[in-house]
Amino acid sequence: MTVGTASLPGVGDHSPSGVLGRRLRHAVGRTFTYAVLLAWAFVCLFPIYWTFTTSLKDQAGVLQGSTYVPGVDFSPSRIGWDSILGSEDQRATLIRNTRNSLLIAIASASVAVVLGAMAGYGLARFPYRFGPWRNRDISFWFLSQLILPPAAVVMPILILYGWLDLLDTQVGLIILYTVVSLPIVIWIMRDQFNSIPVELEQAALVDGATLFGAFVRIVIPIAAPGLVAAFILSVIFSWNEYFFAAVLSATRAVTLPLLVATQVSSQGIRWWAMAAVASASILPLTIVGILLERYIVKGLTAGAVK
């Protein structure tokens, strides 16, 4: 005895009531999904909104705490922005710190991506053995370096940099940030290269290309989303890093996070000025994220981060 699919509930039901029920369930599911996404977007974006509105408050507005909408709950004030842009010296300080952060972040991320791409390609395509370790063990060793607390290595780095005359230099921070960013770049690029069929490189080798030529001309263009994602993550880390910058720099290589910290004095915290500096720091990364969003999404969803 066979049972037709039309007799099963919800299967093969083409009656008006069945079609209406499916459409209703679909609409309810989509509404619930969008409601959850909107709620999560609000949770993620509210700190940025709060920071920007705080930069438009004066001391009284900050202390009130329950003011949210400029022009409605409080009168916007320029005191926060004037504290970092009001005089020539203040503008020069902001420009210097921004320039240092931009140079250090882009340089360290670029070097990390170049070295990390080559290391990730090697781990994805060639078998390695280091004692009892194989490729997978070596990859996890690289990733485990992210667990190492910065405070555990800052003293040896401080002594080494003093000996090498790299204290308070952009080159010193670029080298350090490159080393710190390498583990996540290697991990991202290894998974990215694993998702690319090896037959493409074999076809290029048959056509007369060298191994490096196949890597540069075939693999790298396909792995471009992963490269961009790794680059952006490295830039974000270098842009936001405070601990090493505070220890290893004083006047010449100071970055934007240090400018945020200078808003704390013996007289208290100037929240309005700190929020203004933080807003100025967030803006460049926001622009980069919007412009490169599709590359970041492709890189992080193509087996890049697991």
Protein backbone atom coordinates (compact mmCIF):
# COMPACT_ATOMS: atom_id res chain seq x y z
CA MET A 1 0.00 0.00 0.00
CA THR A 2 1.44 3.34 -1.01
CA VAL A 3 0.68 6.68 0.48
CA GLY A 4 0.52 9.63 -1.91
CA THR A 5 2.36 12.80 -1.01
CA ALA A 6 -0.91 14.72 -1.30
CA SER A 7 -2.19 12.87 1.78
CA LEU A 8 0.68 14.05 3.92
CA PRO A 9 0.04 17.29 5.82
CA GLY A 10 1.81 20.30 4.34
CA VAL A 11 3.20 18.32 1.35
CA GLY A 12 1.80 18.80 -2.12
CA ASP A 13 -1.05 20.90 -0.78
CA HIS A 14 -1.96 23.26 -3.60
CA SER A 15 -5.27 24.33 -2.19
CA PRO A 16 -5.80 28.05 -1.50
CA SER A 17 -5.62 27.46 2.25
CA GLY A 18 -2.33 25.55 1.92
CA VAL A 19 -0.71 28.20 -0.27
CA LEU A 20 -1.91 30.92 2.10
CA GLY A 21 -0.49 29.03 5.07
CA ARG A 22 2.92 28.66 3.45
CA ARG A 23 3.01 32.35 2.52
CA LEU A 24 2.01 33.29 6.04
CA ARG A 25 4.73 31.13 7.60
CA HIS A 26 7.27 32.56 5.16
CA ALA A 27 6.23 36.13 5.99
CA VAL A 28 6.36 35.46 9.73
CA GLY A 29 9.80 33.86 9.40
CA ARG A 30 11.18 36.77 7.40
CA THR A 31 9.67 39.30 9.80
CA PHE A 32 11.22 37.54 12.77
CA THR A 33 14.62 37.33 11.03
CA TYR A 34 14.65 41.02 10.14
CA ALA A 35 13.50 41.95 13.65
CA VAL A 36 16.40 40.01 15.17
CA LEU A 37 18.87 41.56 12.71
CA LEU A 38 17.58 45.07 13.41
CA ALA A 39 17.84 44.49 17.15
CA TRP A 40 21.41 43.22 16.78
CA ALA A 41 22.32 46.15 14.52
CA PHE A 42 20.99 48.53 17.18
CA VAL A 43 23.10 46.82 19.86
CA CYS A 44 26.23 47.04 17.68
CA LEU A 45 25.75 50.62 16.47
CA PHE A 46 24.47 52.24 19.66
CA PRO A 47 27.97 52.61 21.24
CA ILE A 48 29.12 54.48 18.11
CA TYR A 49 26.04 56.71 18.24
CA TRP A 50 26.59 57.31 21.95
CA THR A 51 30.23 58.26 21.36
CA PHE A 52 29.31 60.74 18.62
CA THR A 53 26.52 62.37 20.64
CA THR A 54 28.80 62.60 23.68
CA SER A 55 31.26 64.60 21.57
CA LEU A 56 28.46 67.16 21.09
CA LYS A 57 27.80 67.59 24.81
CA ASP A 58 29.28 69.90 27.40
CA GLN A 59 30.11 68.91 30.96
CA ALA A 60 26.52 69.37 32.16
CA GLY A 61 25.16 67.28 29.31
CA VAL A 62 27.62 64.48 30.00
CA LEU A 63 26.81 64.39 33.71
CA GLN A 64 23.07 64.20 33.06
CA GLY A 65 23.57 60.88 31.30
CA SER A 66 19.99 60.46 30.04
CA THR A 67 20.32 62.68 26.96
CA TYR A 68 20.27 60.87 23.63
CA VAL A 69 19.10 63.07 20.74
CA PRO A 70 20.99 66.30 19.91
CA GLY A 71 18.69 69.27 19.62
CA VAL A 72 15.91 67.43 21.46
CA ASP A 73 17.32 66.17 24.77
CA PHE A 74 20.24 68.60 24.87
CA SER A 75 21.69 71.56 23.00
CA PRO A 76 24.73 70.56 20.91
CA SER A 77 28.02 72.05 22.05
CA ARG A 78 31.35 72.44 20.26
CA ILE A 79 33.47 72.18 23.40
CA GLY A 80 34.55 68.61 22.65
CA TRP A 81 35.68 69.32 19.09
CA ASP A 82 37.19 72.67 20.04
CA SER A 83 39.39 70.86 22.55
CA ILE A 84 41.10 68.96 19.71
CA LEU A 85 40.64 71.41 16.82
CA GLY A 86 40.43 74.77 18.54
CA SER A 87 44.06 75.86 18.22
CA GLU A 88 46.88 75.32 15.76
CA ASP A 89 48.81 73.16 18.22
CA GLN A 90 45.79 70.96 18.87
CA ARG A 91 45.16 70.48 15.16
CA ALA A 92 48.84 69.72 14.59
CA THR A 93 48.73 67.09 17.35
CA LEU A 94 45.65 65.43 15.88
CA ILE A 95 47.16 65.41 12.38
CA ARG A 96 50.46 64.00 13.68
CA ASN A 97 48.80 61.18 15.61
CA THR A 98 46.47 60.39 12.71
CA ARG A 99 49.38 60.31 10.27
CA ASN A 100 51.34 58.00 12.55
CA SER A 101 48.37 55.66 13.01
CA LEU A 102 47.66 55.60 9.28
CA LEU A 103 51.27 54.93 8.28
CA ILE A 104 51.86 52.28 10.94
CA ALA A 105 48.54 50.50 10.30
CA ILE A 106 48.85 50.38 6.50
CA ALA A 107 52.55 49.45 6.49
CA SER A 108 52.25 46.69 9.11
CA ALA A 109 49.10 45.27 7.50
CA SER A 110 50.71 45.26 4.05
CA VAL A 111 53.83 43.44 5.24
CA ALA A 112 51.73 40.99 7.29
CA VAL A 113 49.52 40.18 4.30
CA VAL A 114 52.50 39.59 1.99
CA LEU A 115 54.31 37.33 4.46
CA GLY A 116 51.11 35.69 5.70
CA ALA A 117 49.93 34.91 2.16
CA MET A 118 53.19 33.13 1.32
CA ALA A 119 53.18 31.22 4.62
CA GLY A 120 49.52 30.29 4.25
CA TYR A 121 50.11 29.09 0.69
CA GLY A 122 52.98 26.91 1.84
CA LEU A 123 50.88 25.36 4.60
CA ALA A 124 48.01 24.77 2.18
CA ARG A 125 49.99 23.22 -0.68
CA PHE A 126 53.15 21.58 0.70
CA PRO A 127 53.63 18.99 3.48
CA TYR A 128 55.86 20.12 6.32
CA ARG A 129 57.33 18.28 9.26
CA PHE A 130 58.94 19.88 12.29
CA GLY A 131 59.64 17.14 14.80
CA PRO A 132 56.26 15.55 15.59
CA TRP A 133 54.40 18.53 14.10
CA ARG A 134 52.67 18.50 10.73
CA ASN A 135 50.96 21.27 8.77
CA ARG A 136 47.84 21.32 10.93
CA ASP A 137 49.91 21.48 14.14
CA ILE A 138 52.04 24.31 12.76
CA SER A 139 48.90 26.23 11.78
CA PHE A 140 47.46 25.86 15.27
CA TRP A 141 50.78 26.96 16.75
CA PHE A 142 50.58 30.18 14.76
CA LEU A 143 47.01 30.73 15.90
CA SER A 144 47.92 30.01 19.54
CA GLN A 145 50.19 33.07 19.54
CA LEU A 146 47.05 35.22 19.72
CA ILE A 147 46.42 33.82 23.21
CA LEU A 148 49.75 35.13 24.52
CA PRO A 149 49.04 38.18 26.71
CA PRO A 150 50.94 41.32 25.63
CA ALA A 151 52.03 42.00 29.21
CA ALA A 152 54.03 38.75 29.17
CA VAL A 153 56.31 39.90 26.35
CA VAL A 154 56.39 43.67 26.69
CA MET A 155 59.46 43.77 28.96
CA PRO A 156 61.71 41.70 26.66
CA ILE A 157 60.49 43.75 23.69
CA LEU A 158 61.20 46.99 25.57
CA ILE A 159 64.77 45.87 26.36
CA LEU A 160 65.35 44.62 22.81
CA TYR A 161 64.00 47.82 21.25
CA GLY A 162 66.20 49.91 23.54
CA TRP A 163 69.23 47.94 22.39
CA LEU A 164 68.23 48.26 18.71
CA ASP A 165 67.36 51.97 19.08
CA LEU A 166 63.77 51.34 17.93
CA LEU A 167 61.99 52.97 20.86
CA ASP A 168 59.57 55.74 19.88
CA THR A 169 59.94 54.98 16.18
CA GLN A 170 57.37 54.16 13.54
CA VAL A 171 59.56 51.34 12.23
CA GLY A 172 59.55 49.68 15.66
CA LEU A 173 55.76 49.68 15.89
CA ILE A 174 55.43 48.51 12.27
CA ILE A 175 57.66 45.50 12.97
CA LEU A 176 55.83 44.63 16.17
CA TYR A 177 52.34 45.00 14.69
CA THR A 178 53.38 42.91 11.70
CA VAL A 179 54.48 40.07 13.97
CA VAL A 180 51.30 40.29 16.05
CA SER A 181 49.04 40.33 12.95
CA LEU A 182 50.79 37.44 11.18
CA PRO A 183 49.02 34.54 12.99
CA ILE A 184 45.49 35.56 12.01
CA VAL A 185 46.63 36.44 8.46
CA ILE A 186 48.30 33.03 8.04
CA TRP A 187 45.23 31.25 9.34
CA ILE A 188 42.86 33.19 7.05
CA MET A 189 45.00 32.74 3.95
CA ARG A 190 45.66 29.05 4.59
CA ASP A 191 41.92 28.33 4.64
CA GLN A 192 41.42 30.62 1.66
CA PHE A 193 44.01 28.74 -0.41
CA ASN A 194 42.60 25.37 0.70
CA SER A 195 39.27 26.38 -0.88
CA ILE A 196 40.96 26.94 -4.30
CA PRO A 197 41.25 23.80 -6.50
CA VAL A 198 44.87 22.78 -6.94
CA GLU A 199 44.07 21.78 -10.53
CA LEU A 200 44.14 25.45 -11.55
CA GLU A 201 47.80 25.73 -10.56
CA GLN A 202 48.63 22.40 -12.15
CA ALA A 203 47.12 23.62 -15.43
CA ALA A 204 49.25 26.77 -15.25
CA LEU A 205 52.38 24.68 -14.61
CA VAL A 206 51.57 22.51 -17.64
CA ASP A 207 51.28 25.69 -19.71
CA GLY A 208 54.82 26.65 -18.72
CA ALA A 209 54.28 28.89 -15.71
CA THR A 210 56.63 28.71 -12.76
CA LEU A 211 55.35 27.86 -9.30
CA PHE A 212 55.71 31.47 -8.19
CA GLY A 213 54.09 32.66 -11.44
CA ALA A 214 51.10 30.38 -10.87
CA PHE A 215 50.84 31.66 -7.31
CA VAL A 216 50.89 35.32 -8.35
CA ARG A 217 48.86 35.12 -11.58
CA ILE A 218 46.32 32.40 -10.73
CA VAL A 219 45.96 31.94 -6.99
CA ILE A 220 46.30 35.49 -5.72
CA PRO A 221 43.52 36.98 -7.90
CA ILE A 222 41.12 34.24 -6.81
CA ALA A 223 42.09 34.72 -3.16
CA ALA A 224 41.71 38.52 -3.36
CA PRO A 225 38.65 38.65 -1.02
CA GLY A 226 40.60 36.77 1.64
CA LEU A 227 43.58 39.08 1.19
CA VAL A 228 41.36 42.14 1.64
CA ALA A 229 39.68 40.65 4.71
CA ALA A 230 43.06 39.84 6.28
CA PHE A 231 44.36 43.30 5.41
CA ILE A 232 41.35 45.03 6.99
CA LEU A 233 41.59 42.95 10.18
CA SER A 234 45.29 43.80 10.45
CA VAL A 235 44.61 47.50 9.91
CA ILE A 236 41.89 47.48 12.56
CA PHE A 237 44.20 45.85 15.09
CA SER A 238 47.06 48.26 14.41
CA TRP A 239 44.73 51.26 14.38
CA ASN A 240 43.17 50.39 17.74
CA GLU A 241 46.21 48.99 19.57
CA TYR A 242 47.08 50.94 22.73
CA PHE A 243 49.23 48.87 25.09
CA PHE A 244 52.38 48.47 22.97
CA ALA A 245 52.07 52.01 21.61
CA ALA A 246 51.92 53.41 25.14
CA VAL A 247 55.00 51.47 26.24
CA LEU A 248 57.17 51.83 23.13
CA SER A 249 56.39 55.41 22.05
CA ALA A 250 56.60 58.81 23.74
CA THR A 251 56.61 61.76 21.34
CA ARG A 252 57.54 60.86 17.75
CA ALA A 253 55.50 57.69 17.12
CA VAL A 254 52.40 58.41 19.23
CA THR A 255 49.13 57.17 17.73
CA LEU A 256 45.45 58.08 18.01
CA PRO A 257 44.66 55.73 20.94
CA LEU A 258 47.29 57.59 22.98
CA LEU A 259 45.56 60.88 22.15
CA VAL A 260 42.35 59.44 23.56
CA ALA A 261 44.17 58.53 26.77
CA THR A 262 45.56 62.06 27.18
CA GLN A 263 42.05 63.33 27.88
CA VAL A 264 42.40 61.89 31.39
CA SER A 265 44.09 64.25 33.85
CA SER A 266 44.31 64.93 37.57
CA GLN A 267 41.21 67.10 37.22
CA GLY A 268 39.13 64.22 35.90
CA ILE A 269 38.10 62.77 32.56
CA ARG A 270 37.09 65.13 29.78
CA TRP A 271 34.46 62.84 28.31
CA TRP A 272 33.42 65.30 25.60
CA ALA A 273 37.00 65.62 24.30
CA MET A 274 37.62 61.88 24.57
CA ALA A 275 34.44 61.21 22.60
CA ALA A 276 35.51 63.72 19.94
CA VAL A 277 38.88 62.02 19.49
CA ALA A 278 37.20 58.60 19.44
CA SER A 279 34.73 59.80 16.79
CA ALA A 280 37.60 61.09 14.67
CA SER A 281 39.32 57.70 15.08
CA ILE A 282 36.23 55.72 14.11
CA LEU A 283 35.48 57.68 10.94
CA PRO A 284 38.37 56.40 8.72
CA LEU A 285 37.70 52.75 9.56
CA THR A 286 33.98 53.27 8.94
CA ILE A 287 34.69 54.65 5.46
CA VAL A 288 37.07 51.78 4.66
CA GLY A 289 34.54 49.23 5.91
CA ILE A 290 31.77 50.66 3.73
CA LEU A 291 33.94 50.80 0.62
CA LEU A 292 35.36 47.28 1.04
CA GLU A 293 32.33 45.59 2.58
CA ARG A 294 31.76 43.10 -0.25
CA TYR A 295 35.39 41.97 -0.16
CA ILE A 296 35.32 41.54 3.61
CA VAL A 297 32.14 39.47 3.47
CA LYS A 298 33.48 37.27 0.66
CA GLY A 299 36.77 36.76 2.44
CA LEU A 300 35.26 35.85 5.78
CA THR A 301 32.60 33.51 4.31
CA ALA A 302 34.80 31.63 1.82
CA GLY A 303 36.31 29.33 4.42
CA ALA A 304 38.54 32.10 5.73
CA VAL A 305 37.58 32.03 9.43
CA LYS A 306 36.18 28.93 11.11
